[in-house]
Amino acid sequence: MSTVQAKLPAGMRQIGNGVYVSGQVLPENIAALAGEGCKTLICNRPDNEGPDQPSADTIKAEAEKHGISFHYIPVGHGGISRDSIDAMRKALSEAEGLVVAYCRSGARSTHLYAFSRP
């Protein structure tokens, strides 16, 4: 495994043209994502969902250091709302370069991406 791959988020997989999903992104993943061309990072995991989870603000600050735009579109256990779909659609339409959306496992990000497609 290459050094870059080892530093990418767990379970990262492509779900669309230039769109990837993954489990929780950690601050130490950001430099590797930037190196792979990620320009937009979308957090679909609500803060405080897990005890070891870094906050969205922590990830945002690290992303901004690397020139990555950050969007916080949390999807809780209540499900995906129309507002979340609209926010995801807007974030994707404004994105340049590769996009990585994340939650705990990547499942909510995958579903939100599918619902936000035209």
PDB file of N, CA and C in Angstrom:
ATOM      1  N   MET A   1       0.852  -1.177   0.000  1.00  0.00           N
ATOM      2  CA  MET A   1       0.000   0.000   0.000  1.00  0.00           C
ATOM      3  C   MET A   1       0.896   1.236   0.000  1.00  0.00           C
ATOM      4  N   SER A   2       0.523   2.220  -0.798  1.00  0.00           N
ATOM      5  CA  SER A   2       1.326   3.436  -0.852  1.00  0.00           C
ATOM      6  C   SER A   2       1.116   4.264   0.410  1.00  0.00           C
ATOM      7  N   THR A   3       2.036   5.161   0.651  1.00  0.00           N
ATOM      8  CA  THR A   3       1.934   6.041   1.814  1.00  0.00           C
ATOM      9  C   THR A   3       0.678   6.890   1.740  1.00  0.00           C
ATOM     10  N   VAL A   4       0.352   7.403   0.544  1.00  0.00           N
ATOM     11  CA  VAL A   4      -0.841   8.236   0.391  1.00  0.00           C
ATOM     12  C   VAL A   4      -2.088   7.434   0.726  1.00  0.00           C
ATOM     13  N   GLN A   5      -2.208   6.236   0.187  1.00  0.00           N
ATOM     14  CA  GLN A   5      -3.395   5.417   0.465  1.00  0.00           C
ATOM     15  C   GLN A   5      -3.542   5.158   1.950  1.00  0.00           C
ATOM     16  N   ALA A   6      -2.443   4.947   2.647  1.00  0.00           N
ATOM     17  CA  ALA A   6      -2.500   4.675   4.076  1.00  0.00           C
ATOM     18  C   ALA A   6      -3.027   5.874   4.851  1.00  0.00           C
ATOM     19  N   LYS A   7      -2.909   7.079   4.299  1.00  0.00           N
ATOM     20  CA  LYS A   7      -3.342   8.283   4.995  1.00  0.00           C
ATOM     21  C   LYS A   7      -4.732   8.749   4.569  1.00  0.00           C
ATOM     22  N   LEU A   8      -5.339   8.067   3.603  1.00  0.00           N
ATOM     23  CA  LEU A   8      -6.689   8.421   3.179  1.00  0.00           C
ATOM     24  C   LEU A   8      -7.697   7.848   4.170  1.00  0.00           C
ATOM     25  N   PRO A   9      -8.905   8.418   4.231  1.00  0.00           N
ATOM     26  CA  PRO A   9      -9.920   7.925   5.158  1.00  0.00           C
ATOM     27  C   PRO A   9     -10.298   6.469   4.872  1.00  0.00           C
ATOM     28  N   ALA A  10     -10.706   5.780   5.907  1.00  0.00           N
ATOM     29  CA  ALA A  10     -11.099   4.374   5.789  1.00  0.00           C
ATOM     30  C   ALA A  10     -12.338   4.227   4.913  1.00  0.00           C
ATOM     31  N   GLY A  11     -12.333   3.203   4.091  1.00  0.00           N
ATOM     32  CA  GLY A  11     -13.503   2.870   3.289  1.00  0.00           C
ATOM     33  C   GLY A  11     -13.818   3.846   2.178  1.00  0.00           C
ATOM     34  N   MET A  12     -12.857   4.658   1.769  1.00  0.00           N
ATOM     35  CA  MET A  12     -13.113   5.640   0.710  1.00  0.00           C
ATOM     36  C   MET A  12     -13.384   4.928  -0.609  1.00  0.00           C
ATOM     37  N   ARG A  13     -14.481   5.322  -1.272  1.00  0.00           N
ATOM     38  CA  ARG A  13     -14.843   4.692  -2.547  1.00  0.00           C
ATOM     39  C   ARG A  13     -15.534   5.713  -3.447  1.00  0.00           C
ATOM     40  N   GLN A  14     -15.372   5.517  -4.740  1.00  0.00           N
ATOM     41  CA  GLN A  14     -15.970   6.424  -5.717  1.00  0.00           C
ATOM     42  C   GLN A  14     -17.418   6.029  -5.958  1.00  0.00           C
ATOM     43  N   ILE A  15     -18.317   7.032  -5.958  1.00  0.00           N
ATOM     44  CA  ILE A  15     -19.737   6.767  -6.219  1.00  0.00           C
ATOM     45  C   ILE A  15     -20.263   7.568  -7.398  1.00  0.00           C
ATOM     46  N   GLY A  16     -19.457   8.456  -7.923  1.00  0.00           N
ATOM     47  CA  GLY A  16     -19.869   9.268  -9.064  1.00  0.00           C
ATOM     48  C   GLY A  16     -18.628   9.836  -9.722  1.00  0.00           C
ATOM     49  N   ASN A  17     -18.839  10.573 -10.788  1.00  0.00           N
ATOM     50  CA  ASN A  17     -17.726  11.185 -11.505  1.00  0.00           C
ATOM     51  C   ASN A  17     -17.069  12.239 -10.619  1.00  0.00           C
ATOM     52  N   GLY A  18     -15.920  11.903 -10.044  1.00  0.00           N
ATOM     53  CA  GLY A  18     -15.209  12.828  -9.175  1.00  0.00           C
ATOM     54  C   GLY A  18     -15.776  12.947  -7.785  1.00  0.00           C
ATOM     55  N   VAL A  19     -16.697  12.067  -7.401  1.00  0.00           N
ATOM     56  CA  VAL A  19     -17.317  12.114  -6.079  1.00  0.00           C
ATOM     57  C   VAL A  19     -17.009  10.814  -5.335  1.00  0.00           C
ATOM     58  N   TYR A  20     -16.490  10.987  -4.123  1.00  0.00           N
ATOM     59  CA  TYR A  20     -16.129   9.865  -3.274  1.00  0.00           C
ATOM     60  C   TYR A  20     -16.853   9.990  -1.940  1.00  0.00           C
ATOM     61  N   VAL A  21     -17.056   8.874  -1.283  1.00  0.00           N
ATOM     62  CA  VAL A  21     -17.588   8.852   0.077  1.00  0.00           C
ATOM     63  C   VAL A  21     -16.628   8.050   0.941  1.00  0.00           C
ATOM     64  N   SER A  22     -16.714   8.304   2.242  1.00  0.00           N
ATOM     65  CA  SER A  22     -15.867   7.560   3.171  1.00  0.00           C
ATOM     66  C   SER A  22     -16.483   7.578   4.553  1.00  0.00           C
ATOM     67  N   GLY A  23     -15.864   6.794   5.420  1.00  0.00           N
ATOM     68  CA  GLY A  23     -16.163   6.890   6.836  1.00  0.00           C
ATOM     69  C   GLY A  23     -15.549   8.176   7.370  1.00  0.00           C
ATOM     70  N   GLN A  24     -15.558   8.311   8.683  1.00  0.00           N
ATOM     71  CA  GLN A  24     -15.080   9.520   9.342  1.00  0.00           C
ATOM     72  C   GLN A  24     -13.726   9.985   8.806  1.00  0.00           C
ATOM     73  N   VAL A  25     -13.662  11.230   8.414  1.00  0.00           N
ATOM     74  CA  VAL A  25     -12.403  11.865   8.023  1.00  0.00           C
ATOM     75  C   VAL A  25     -11.755  12.408   9.298  1.00  0.00           C
ATOM     76  N   LEU A  26     -10.469  12.189   9.406  1.00  0.00           N
ATOM     77  CA  LEU A  26      -9.704  12.671  10.549  1.00  0.00           C
ATOM     78  C   LEU A  26      -8.792  13.814  10.109  1.00  0.00           C
ATOM     79  N   PRO A  27      -8.366  14.669  11.026  1.00  0.00           N
ATOM     80  CA  PRO A  27      -7.482  15.770  10.634  1.00  0.00           C
ATOM     81  C   PRO A  27      -6.244  15.294   9.889  1.00  0.00           C
ATOM     82  N   GLU A  28      -5.698  14.149  10.277  1.00  0.00           N
ATOM     83  CA  GLU A  28      -4.494  13.643   9.616  1.00  0.00           C
ATOM     84  C   GLU A  28      -4.754  13.122   8.200  1.00  0.00           C
ATOM     85  N   ASN A  29      -6.010  12.999   7.785  1.00  0.00           N
ATOM     86  CA  ASN A  29      -6.340  12.586   6.421  1.00  0.00           C
ATOM     87  C   ASN A  29      -6.339  13.742   5.430  1.00  0.00           C
ATOM     88  N   ILE A  30      -6.443  14.963   5.912  1.00  0.00           N
ATOM     89  CA  ILE A  30      -6.690  16.115   5.049  1.00  0.00           C
ATOM     90  C   ILE A  30      -5.556  16.365   4.052  1.00  0.00           C
ATOM     91  N   ALA A  31      -4.321  16.298   4.500  1.00  0.00           N
ATOM     92  CA  ALA A  31      -3.199  16.543   3.589  1.00  0.00           C
ATOM     93  C   ALA A  31      -3.191  15.523   2.455  1.00  0.00           C
ATOM     94  N   ALA A  32      -3.462  14.260   2.759  1.00  0.00           N
ATOM     95  CA  ALA A  32      -3.496  13.221   1.721  1.00  0.00           C
ATOM     96  C   ALA A  32      -4.644  13.475   0.753  1.00  0.00           C
ATOM     97  N   LEU A  33      -5.807  13.887   1.264  1.00  0.00           N
ATOM     98  CA  LEU A  33      -6.936  14.203   0.383  1.00  0.00           C
ATOM     99  C   LEU A  33      -6.579  15.358  -0.553  1.00  0.00           C
ATOM    100  N   ALA A  34      -5.959  16.390   0.001  1.00  0.00           N
ATOM    101  CA  ALA A  34      -5.535  17.530  -0.831  1.00  0.00           C
ATOM    102  C   ALA A  34      -4.540  17.068  -1.894  1.00  0.00           C
ATOM    103  N   GLY A  35      -3.633  16.205  -1.512  1.00  0.00           N
ATOM    104  CA  GLY A  35      -2.644  15.684  -2.452  1.00  0.00           C
ATOM    105  C   GLY A  35      -3.241  14.870  -3.582  1.00  0.00           C
ATOM    106  N   GLU A  36      -4.405  14.284  -3.332  1.00  0.00           N
ATOM    107  CA  GLU A  36      -5.098  13.501  -4.351  1.00  0.00           C
ATOM    108  C   GLU A  36      -6.042  14.358  -5.198  1.00  0.00           C
ATOM    109  N   GLY A  37      -6.113  15.667  -4.912  1.00  0.00           N
ATOM    110  CA  GLY A  37      -6.939  16.566  -5.724  1.00  0.00           C
ATOM    111  C   GLY A  37      -8.277  16.919  -5.134  1.00  0.00           C
ATOM    112  N   CYS A  38      -8.526  16.540  -3.887  1.00  0.00           N
ATOM    113  CA  CYS A  38      -9.800  16.895  -3.246  1.00  0.00           C
ATOM    114  C   CYS A  38      -9.855  18.407  -3.071  1.00  0.00           C
ATOM    115  N   LYS A  39     -10.940  19.002  -3.552  1.00  0.00           N
ATOM    116  CA  LYS A  39     -11.142  20.447  -3.431  1.00  0.00           C
ATOM    117  C   LYS A  39     -12.372  20.780  -2.595  1.00  0.00           C
ATOM    118  N   THR A  40     -13.239  19.763  -2.372  1.00  0.00           N
ATOM    119  CA  THR A  40     -14.471  19.974  -1.608  1.00  0.00           C
ATOM    120  C   THR A  40     -14.661  18.809  -0.652  1.00  0.00           C
ATOM    121  N   LEU A  41     -14.916  19.123   0.611  1.00  0.00           N
ATOM    122  CA  LEU A  41     -15.154  18.125   1.641  1.00  0.00           C
ATOM    123  C   LEU A  41     -16.526  18.402   2.243  1.00  0.00           C
ATOM    124  N   ILE A  42     -17.363  17.373   2.296  1.00  0.00           N
ATOM    125  CA  ILE A  42     -18.728  17.525   2.810  1.00  0.00           C
ATOM    126  C   ILE A  42     -18.908  16.584   3.996  1.00  0.00           C
ATOM    127  N   CYS A  43     -19.221  17.161   5.147  1.00  0.00           N
ATOM    128  CA  CYS A  43     -19.465  16.377   6.360  1.00  0.00           C
ATOM    129  C   CYS A  43     -20.961  16.130   6.501  1.00  0.00           C
ATOM    130  N   ASN A  44     -21.353  14.871   6.454  1.00  0.00           N
ATOM    131  CA  ASN A  44     -22.754  14.496   6.643  1.00  0.00           C
ATOM    132  C   ASN A  44     -22.992  13.859   8.009  1.00  0.00           C
ATOM    133  N   ARG A  45     -21.996  13.909   8.875  1.00  0.00           N
ATOM    134  CA  ARG A  45     -22.108  13.306  10.203  1.00  0.00           C
ATOM    135  C   ARG A  45     -22.329  14.397  11.248  1.00  0.00           C
ATOM    136  N   PRO A  46     -23.416  14.304  12.013  1.00  0.00           N
ATOM    137  CA  PRO A  46     -23.646  15.301  13.062  1.00  0.00           C
ATOM    138  C   PRO A  46     -22.529  15.271  14.105  1.00  0.00           C
ATOM    139  N   ASP A  47     -22.182  16.424  14.629  1.00  0.00           N
ATOM    140  CA  ASP A  47     -21.215  16.475  15.715  1.00  0.00           C
ATOM    141  C   ASP A  47     -21.729  15.686  16.917  1.00  0.00           C
ATOM    142  N   ASN A  48     -20.801  15.153  17.684  1.00  0.00           N
ATOM    143  CA  ASN A  48     -21.085  14.423  18.923  1.00  0.00           C
ATOM    144  C   ASN A  48     -21.853  13.120  18.720  1.00  0.00           C
ATOM    145  N   GLU A  49     -21.788  12.567  17.535  1.00  0.00           N
ATOM    146  CA  GLU A  49     -22.458  11.289  17.285  1.00  0.00           C
ATOM    147  C   GLU A  49     -21.679  10.128  17.913  1.00  0.00           C
ATOM    148  N   GLY A  50     -20.368  10.277  17.972  1.00  0.00           N
ATOM    149  CA  GLY A  50     -19.521   9.250  18.563  1.00  0.00           C
ATOM    150  C   GLY A  50     -18.508   9.875  19.499  1.00  0.00           C
ATOM    151  N   PRO A  51     -18.050   9.126  20.492  1.00  0.00           N
ATOM    152  CA  PRO A  51     -17.157   9.700  21.497  1.00  0.00           C
ATOM    153  C   PRO A  51     -15.772  10.085  20.971  1.00  0.00           C
ATOM    154  N   ASP A  52     -15.286   9.442  19.941  1.00  0.00           N
ATOM    155  CA  ASP A  52     -13.940   9.712  19.438  1.00  0.00           C
ATOM    156  C   ASP A  52     -13.938  10.543  18.163  1.00  0.00           C
ATOM    157  N   GLN A  53     -15.057  11.103  17.824  1.00  0.00           N
ATOM    158  CA  GLN A  53     -15.240  11.817  16.565  1.00  0.00           C
ATOM    159  C   GLN A  53     -14.736  13.260  16.661  1.00  0.00           C
ATOM    160  N   PRO A  54     -13.872  13.677  15.722  1.00  0.00           N
ATOM    161  CA  PRO A  54     -13.485  15.093  15.716  1.00  0.00           C
ATOM    162  C   PRO A  54     -14.671  15.953  15.266  1.00  0.00           C
ATOM    163  N   SER A  55     -14.728  17.163  15.775  1.00  0.00           N
ATOM    164  CA  SER A  55     -15.836  18.050  15.406  1.00  0.00           C
ATOM    165  C   SER A  55     -15.713  18.499  13.959  1.00  0.00           C
ATOM    166  N   ALA A  56     -16.839  18.911  13.407  1.00  0.00           N
ATOM    167  CA  ALA A  56     -16.838  19.456  12.045  1.00  0.00           C
ATOM    168  C   ALA A  56     -15.945  20.690  11.974  1.00  0.00           C
ATOM    169  N   ASP A  57     -15.929  21.515  13.027  1.00  0.00           N
ATOM    170  CA  ASP A  57     -15.081  22.700  13.033  1.00  0.00           C
ATOM    171  C   ASP A  57     -13.600  22.342  12.973  1.00  0.00           C
ATOM    172  N   THR A  58     -13.210  21.257  13.645  1.00  0.00           N
ATOM    173  CA  THR A  58     -11.824  20.804  13.606  1.00  0.00           C
ATOM    174  C   THR A  58     -11.436  20.387  12.192  1.00  0.00           C
ATOM    175  N   ILE A  59     -12.316  19.621  11.537  1.00  0.00           N
ATOM    176  CA  ILE A  59     -12.046  19.161  10.171  1.00  0.00           C
ATOM    177  C   ILE A  59     -12.052  20.359   9.214  1.00  0.00           C
ATOM    178  N   LYS A  60     -12.991  21.269   9.408  1.00  0.00           N
ATOM    179  CA  LYS A  60     -13.074  22.459   8.558  1.00  0.00           C
ATOM    180  C   LYS A  60     -11.792  23.277   8.640  1.00  0.00           C
ATOM    181  N   ALA A  61     -11.288  23.503   9.831  1.00  0.00           N
ATOM    182  CA  ALA A  61     -10.064  24.301   9.999  1.00  0.00           C
ATOM    183  C   ALA A  61      -8.890  23.648   9.284  1.00  0.00           C
ATOM    184  N   GLU A  62      -8.772  22.335   9.389  1.00  0.00           N
ATOM    185  CA  GLU A  62      -7.671  21.632   8.717  1.00  0.00           C
ATOM    186  C   GLU A  62      -7.866  21.668   7.199  1.00  0.00           C
ATOM    187  N   ALA A  63      -9.104  21.487   6.741  1.00  0.00           N
ATOM    188  CA  ALA A  63      -9.390  21.524   5.300  1.00  0.00           C
ATOM    189  C   ALA A  63      -9.022  22.893   4.720  1.00  0.00           C
ATOM    190  N   GLU A  64      -9.395  23.948   5.419  1.00  0.00           N
ATOM    191  CA  GLU A  64      -9.118  25.299   4.927  1.00  0.00           C
ATOM    192  C   GLU A  64      -7.619  25.569   4.838  1.00  0.00           C
ATOM    193  N   LYS A  65      -6.829  24.974   5.724  1.00  0.00           N
ATOM    194  CA  LYS A  65      -5.359  25.116   5.657  1.00  0.00           C
ATOM    195  C   LYS A  65      -4.811  24.552   4.347  1.00  0.00           C
ATOM    196  N   HIS A  66      -5.534  23.596   3.771  1.00  0.00           N
ATOM    197  CA  HIS A  66      -5.093  22.927   2.545  1.00  0.00           C
ATOM    198  C   HIS A  66      -5.867  23.374   1.312  1.00  0.00           C
ATOM    199  N   GLY A  67      -6.631  24.460   1.435  1.00  0.00           N
ATOM    200  CA  GLY A  67      -7.364  25.000   0.292  1.00  0.00           C
ATOM    201  C   GLY A  67      -8.574  24.189  -0.122  1.00  0.00           C
ATOM    202  N   ILE A  68      -9.124  23.418   0.803  1.00  0.00           N
ATOM    203  CA  ILE A  68     -10.303  22.592   0.532  1.00  0.00           C
ATOM    204  C   ILE A  68     -11.527  23.287   1.108  1.00  0.00           C
ATOM    205  N   SER A  69     -12.556  23.467   0.273  1.00  0.00           N
ATOM    206  CA  SER A  69     -13.793  24.056   0.792  1.00  0.00           C
ATOM    207  C   SER A  69     -14.536  22.995   1.603  1.00  0.00           C
ATOM    208  N   PHE A  70     -15.242  23.441   2.631  1.00  0.00           N
ATOM    209  CA  PHE A  70     -15.896  22.533   3.571  1.00  0.00           C
ATOM    210  C   PHE A  70     -17.365  22.890   3.700  1.00  0.00           C
ATOM    211  N   HIS A  71     -18.208  21.854   3.687  1.00  0.00           N
ATOM    212  CA  HIS A  71     -19.651  22.029   3.867  1.00  0.00           C
ATOM    213  C   HIS A  71     -20.111  21.089   4.972  1.00  0.00           C
ATOM    214  N   TYR A  72     -20.888  21.624   5.904  1.00  0.00           N
ATOM    215  CA  TYR A  72     -21.443  20.819   7.003  1.00  0.00           C
ATOM    216  C   TYR A  72     -22.922  20.619   6.733  1.00  0.00           C
ATOM    217  N   ILE A  73     -23.276  19.403   6.313  1.00  0.00           N
ATOM    218  CA  ILE A  73     -24.664  19.044   5.990  1.00  0.00           C
ATOM    219  C   ILE A  73     -24.985  17.766   6.766  1.00  0.00           C
ATOM    220  N   PRO A  74     -25.216  17.903   8.079  1.00  0.00           N
ATOM    221  CA  PRO A  74     -25.409  16.703   8.898  1.00  0.00           C
ATOM    222  C   PRO A  74     -26.727  15.993   8.619  1.00  0.00           C
ATOM    223  N   VAL A  75     -26.642  14.673   8.617  1.00  0.00           N
ATOM    224  CA  VAL A  75     -27.832  13.828   8.473  1.00  0.00           C
ATOM    225  C   VAL A  75     -27.886  12.951   9.721  1.00  0.00           C
ATOM    226  N   GLY A  76     -28.842  13.244  10.579  1.00  0.00           N
ATOM    227  CA  GLY A  76     -28.983  12.485  11.818  1.00  0.00           C
ATOM    228  C   GLY A  76     -29.810  11.231  11.613  1.00  0.00           C
ATOM    229  N   HIS A  77     -30.102  10.596  12.716  1.00  0.00           N
ATOM    230  CA  HIS A  77     -30.858   9.348  12.653  1.00  0.00           C
ATOM    231  C   HIS A  77     -32.316   9.567  12.260  1.00  0.00           C
ATOM    232  N   GLY A  78     -32.755  10.816  12.213  1.00  0.00           N
ATOM    233  CA  GLY A  78     -34.108  11.128  11.765  1.00  0.00           C
ATOM    234  C   GLY A  78     -34.283  10.999  10.260  1.00  0.00           C
ATOM    235  N   GLY A  79     -33.179  10.885   9.543  1.00  0.00           N
ATOM    236  CA  GLY A  79     -33.252  10.690   8.100  1.00  0.00           C
ATOM    237  C   GLY A  79     -32.862  11.919   7.313  1.00  0.00           C
ATOM    238  N   ILE A  80     -32.971  11.774   6.024  1.00  0.00           N
ATOM    239  CA  ILE A  80     -32.564  12.814   5.089  1.00  0.00           C
ATOM    240  C   ILE A  80     -33.734  13.757   4.845  1.00  0.00           C
ATOM    241  N   SER A  81     -33.500  15.040   5.054  1.00  0.00           N
ATOM    242  CA  SER A  81     -34.545  16.043   4.866  1.00  0.00           C
ATOM    243  C   SER A  81     -34.413  16.710   3.497  1.00  0.00           C
ATOM    244  N   ARG A  82     -35.452  17.393   3.096  1.00  0.00           N
ATOM    245  CA  ARG A  82     -35.429  18.170   1.851  1.00  0.00           C
ATOM    246  C   ARG A  82     -34.339  19.232   1.925  1.00  0.00           C
ATOM    247  N   ASP A  83     -34.174  19.871   3.096  1.00  0.00           N
ATOM    248  CA  ASP A  83     -33.129  20.887   3.248  1.00  0.00           C
ATOM    249  C   ASP A  83     -31.741  20.284   3.040  1.00  0.00           C
ATOM    250  N   SER A  84     -31.523  19.073   3.551  1.00  0.00           N
ATOM    251  CA  SER A  84     -30.232  18.402   3.368  1.00  0.00           C
ATOM    252  C   SER A  84     -29.983  18.098   1.896  1.00  0.00           C
ATOM    253  N   ILE A  85     -31.009  17.633   1.206  1.00  0.00           N
ATOM    254  CA  ILE A  85     -30.890  17.333  -0.225  1.00  0.00           C
ATOM    255  C   ILE A  85     -30.545  18.597  -0.998  1.00  0.00           C
ATOM    256  N   ASP A  86     -31.251  19.685  -0.695  1.00  0.00           N
ATOM    257  CA  ASP A  86     -30.999  20.954  -1.385  1.00  0.00           C
ATOM    258  C   ASP A  86     -29.584  21.470  -1.102  1.00  0.00           C
ATOM    259  N   ALA A  87     -29.138  21.357   0.145  1.00  0.00           N
ATOM    260  CA  ALA A  87     -27.786  21.810   0.503  1.00  0.00           C
ATOM    261  C   ALA A  87     -26.719  20.961  -0.183  1.00  0.00           C
ATOM    262  N   MET A  88     -26.954  19.656  -0.260  1.00  0.00           N
ATOM    263  CA  MET A  88     -25.997  18.769  -0.934  1.00  0.00           C
ATOM    264  C   MET A  88     -25.955  19.090  -2.428  1.00  0.00           C
ATOM    265  N   ARG A  89     -27.101  19.281  -3.024  1.00  0.00           N
ATOM    266  CA  ARG A  89     -27.163  19.616  -4.451  1.00  0.00           C
ATOM    267  C   ARG A  89     -26.390  20.906  -4.727  1.00  0.00           C
ATOM    268  N   LYS A  90     -26.570  21.901  -3.871  1.00  0.00           N
ATOM    269  CA  LYS A  90     -25.868  23.181  -4.034  1.00  0.00           C
ATOM    270  C   LYS A  90     -24.355  22.996  -3.869  1.00  0.00           C
ATOM    271  N   ALA A  91     -23.941  22.258  -2.846  1.00  0.00           N
ATOM    272  CA  ALA A  91     -22.502  22.030  -2.618  1.00  0.00           C
ATOM    273  C   ALA A  91     -21.877  21.313  -3.808  1.00  0.00           C
ATOM    274  N   LEU A  92     -22.558  20.323  -4.333  1.00  0.00           N
ATOM    275  CA  LEU A  92     -22.027  19.576  -5.483  1.00  0.00           C
ATOM    276  C   LEU A  92     -21.980  20.440  -6.737  1.00  0.00           C
ATOM    277  N   SER A  93     -22.987  21.289  -6.923  1.00  0.00           N
ATOM    278  CA  SER A  93     -23.016  22.123  -8.128  1.00  0.00           C
ATOM    279  C   SER A  93     -21.912  23.179  -8.105  1.00  0.00           C
ATOM    280  N   GLU A  94     -21.477  23.594  -6.926  1.00  0.00           N
ATOM    281  CA  GLU A  94     -20.428  24.603  -6.794  1.00  0.00           C
ATOM    282  C   GLU A  94     -19.034  23.992  -6.708  1.00  0.00           C
ATOM    283  N   ALA A  95     -18.948  22.685  -6.575  1.00  0.00           N
ATOM    284  CA  ALA A  95     -17.661  22.019  -6.345  1.00  0.00           C
ATOM    285  C   ALA A  95     -16.765  22.055  -7.568  1.00  0.00           C
ATOM    286  N   GLU A  96     -15.493  22.245  -7.293  1.00  0.00           N
ATOM    287  CA  GLU A  96     -14.458  22.128  -8.325  1.00  0.00           C
ATOM    288  C   GLU A  96     -13.507  21.046  -7.861  1.00  0.00           C
ATOM    289  N   GLY A  97     -13.004  20.247  -8.788  1.00  0.00           N
ATOM    290  CA  GLY A  97     -12.096  19.172  -8.398  1.00  0.00           C
ATOM    291  C   GLY A  97     -12.839  18.024  -7.748  1.00  0.00           C
ATOM    292  N   LEU A  98     -12.087  17.174  -7.087  1.00  0.00           N
ATOM    293  CA  LEU A  98     -12.673  15.998  -6.453  1.00  0.00           C
ATOM    294  C   LEU A  98     -13.444  16.389  -5.194  1.00  0.00           C
ATOM    295  N   VAL A  99     -14.518  15.647  -4.943  1.00  0.00           N
ATOM    296  CA  VAL A  99     -15.372  15.858  -3.783  1.00  0.00           C
ATOM    297  C   VAL A  99     -15.309  14.606  -2.913  1.00  0.00           C
ATOM    298  N   VAL A 100     -15.182  14.802  -1.605  1.00  0.00           N
ATOM    299  CA  VAL A 100     -15.280  13.705  -0.658  1.00  0.00           C
ATOM    300  C   VAL A 100     -16.361  14.064   0.349  1.00  0.00           C
ATOM    301  N   ALA A 101     -17.381  13.214   0.449  1.00  0.00           N
ATOM    302  CA  ALA A 101     -18.435  13.365   1.450  1.00  0.00           C
ATOM    303  C   ALA A 101     -18.251  12.240   2.461  1.00  0.00           C
ATOM    304  N   TYR A 102     -18.442  12.561   3.735  1.00  0.00           N
ATOM    305  CA  TYR A 102     -18.232  11.529   4.754  1.00  0.00           C
ATOM    306  C   TYR A 102     -19.282  11.580   5.848  1.00  0.00           C
ATOM    307  N   CYS A 103     -19.438  10.438   6.487  1.00  0.00           N
ATOM    308  CA  CYS A 103     -20.259  10.285   7.683  1.00  0.00           C
ATOM    309  C   CYS A 103     -19.571   9.197   8.517  1.00  0.00           C
ATOM    310  N   ARG A 104     -20.297   8.416   9.284  1.00  0.00           N
ATOM    311  CA  ARG A 104     -19.645   7.374  10.079  1.00  0.00           C
ATOM    312  C   ARG A 104     -19.105   6.258   9.205  1.00  0.00           C
ATOM    313  N   SER A 105     -19.926   5.804   8.260  1.00  0.00           N
ATOM    314  CA  SER A 105     -19.517   4.683   7.408  1.00  0.00           C
ATOM    315  C   SER A 105     -19.496   5.010   5.921  1.00  0.00           C
ATOM    316  N   GLY A 106     -20.099   6.109   5.534  1.00  0.00           N
ATOM    317  CA  GLY A 106     -20.239   6.477   4.125  1.00  0.00           C
ATOM    318  C   GLY A 106     -21.632   6.220   3.585  1.00  0.00           C
ATOM    319  N   ALA A 107     -22.458   5.497   4.336  1.00  0.00           N
ATOM    320  CA  ALA A 107     -23.801   5.139   3.853  1.00  0.00           C
ATOM    321  C   ALA A 107     -24.719   6.357   3.721  1.00  0.00           C
ATOM    322  N   ARG A 108     -24.776   7.193   4.737  1.00  0.00           N
ATOM    323  CA  ARG A 108     -25.645   8.386   4.651  1.00  0.00           C
ATOM    324  C   ARG A 108     -25.175   9.315   3.544  1.00  0.00           C
ATOM    325  N   SER A 109     -23.856   9.444   3.390  1.00  0.00           N
ATOM    326  CA  SER A 109     -23.326  10.292   2.318  1.00  0.00           C
ATOM    327  C   SER A 109     -23.712   9.741   0.956  1.00  0.00           C
ATOM    328  N   THR A 110     -23.659   8.423   0.805  1.00  0.00           N
ATOM    329  CA  THR A 110     -24.046   7.785  -0.455  1.00  0.00           C
ATOM    330  C   THR A 110     -25.510   8.040  -0.762  1.00  0.00           C
ATOM    331  N   HIS A 111     -26.382   7.885   0.242  1.00  0.00           N
ATOM    332  CA  HIS A 111     -27.808   8.093   0.021  1.00  0.00           C
ATOM    333  C   HIS A 111     -28.117   9.559  -0.266  1.00  0.00           C
ATOM    334  N   LEU A 112     -27.477  10.452   0.466  1.00  0.00           N
ATOM    335  CA  LEU A 112     -27.726  11.869   0.220  1.00  0.00           C
ATOM    336  C   LEU A 112     -27.274  12.269  -1.177  1.00  0.00           C
ATOM    337  N   TYR A 113     -26.147  11.736  -1.614  1.00  0.00           N
ATOM    338  CA  TYR A 113     -25.673  12.003  -2.971  1.00  0.00           C
ATOM    339  C   TYR A 113     -26.708  11.507  -3.997  1.00  0.00           C
ATOM    340  N   ALA A 114     -27.206  10.301  -3.804  1.00  0.00           N
ATOM    341  CA  ALA A 114     -28.188   9.743  -4.744  1.00  0.00           C
ATOM    342  C   ALA A 114     -29.460  10.595  -4.790  1.00  0.00           C
ATOM    343  N   PHE A 115     -29.942  11.042  -3.628  1.00  0.00           N
ATOM    344  CA  PHE A 115     -31.157  11.863  -3.603  1.00  0.00           C
ATOM    345  C   PHE A 115     -30.939  13.251  -4.188  1.00  0.00           C
ATOM    346  N   SER A 116     -29.704  13.726  -4.171  1.00  0.00           N
ATOM    347  CA  SER A 116     -29.446  15.083  -4.650  1.00  0.00           C
ATOM    348  C   SER A 116     -29.183  15.159  -6.146  1.00  0.00           C
ATOM    349  N   ARG A 117     -29.131  14.033  -6.803  1.00  0.00           N
ATOM    350  CA  ARG A 117     -28.896  14.008  -8.251  1.00  0.00           C
ATOM    351  C   ARG A 117     -30.121  14.551  -8.966  1.00  0.00           C
ATOM    352  N   PRO A 118     -29.901  15.302 -10.082  1.00  0.00           N
ATOM    353  CA  PRO A 118     -31.055  15.850 -10.813  1.00  0.00           C
ATOM    354  C   PRO A 118     -31.890  14.758 -11.477  1.00  0.00           C
TER     355      PRO A 118
END
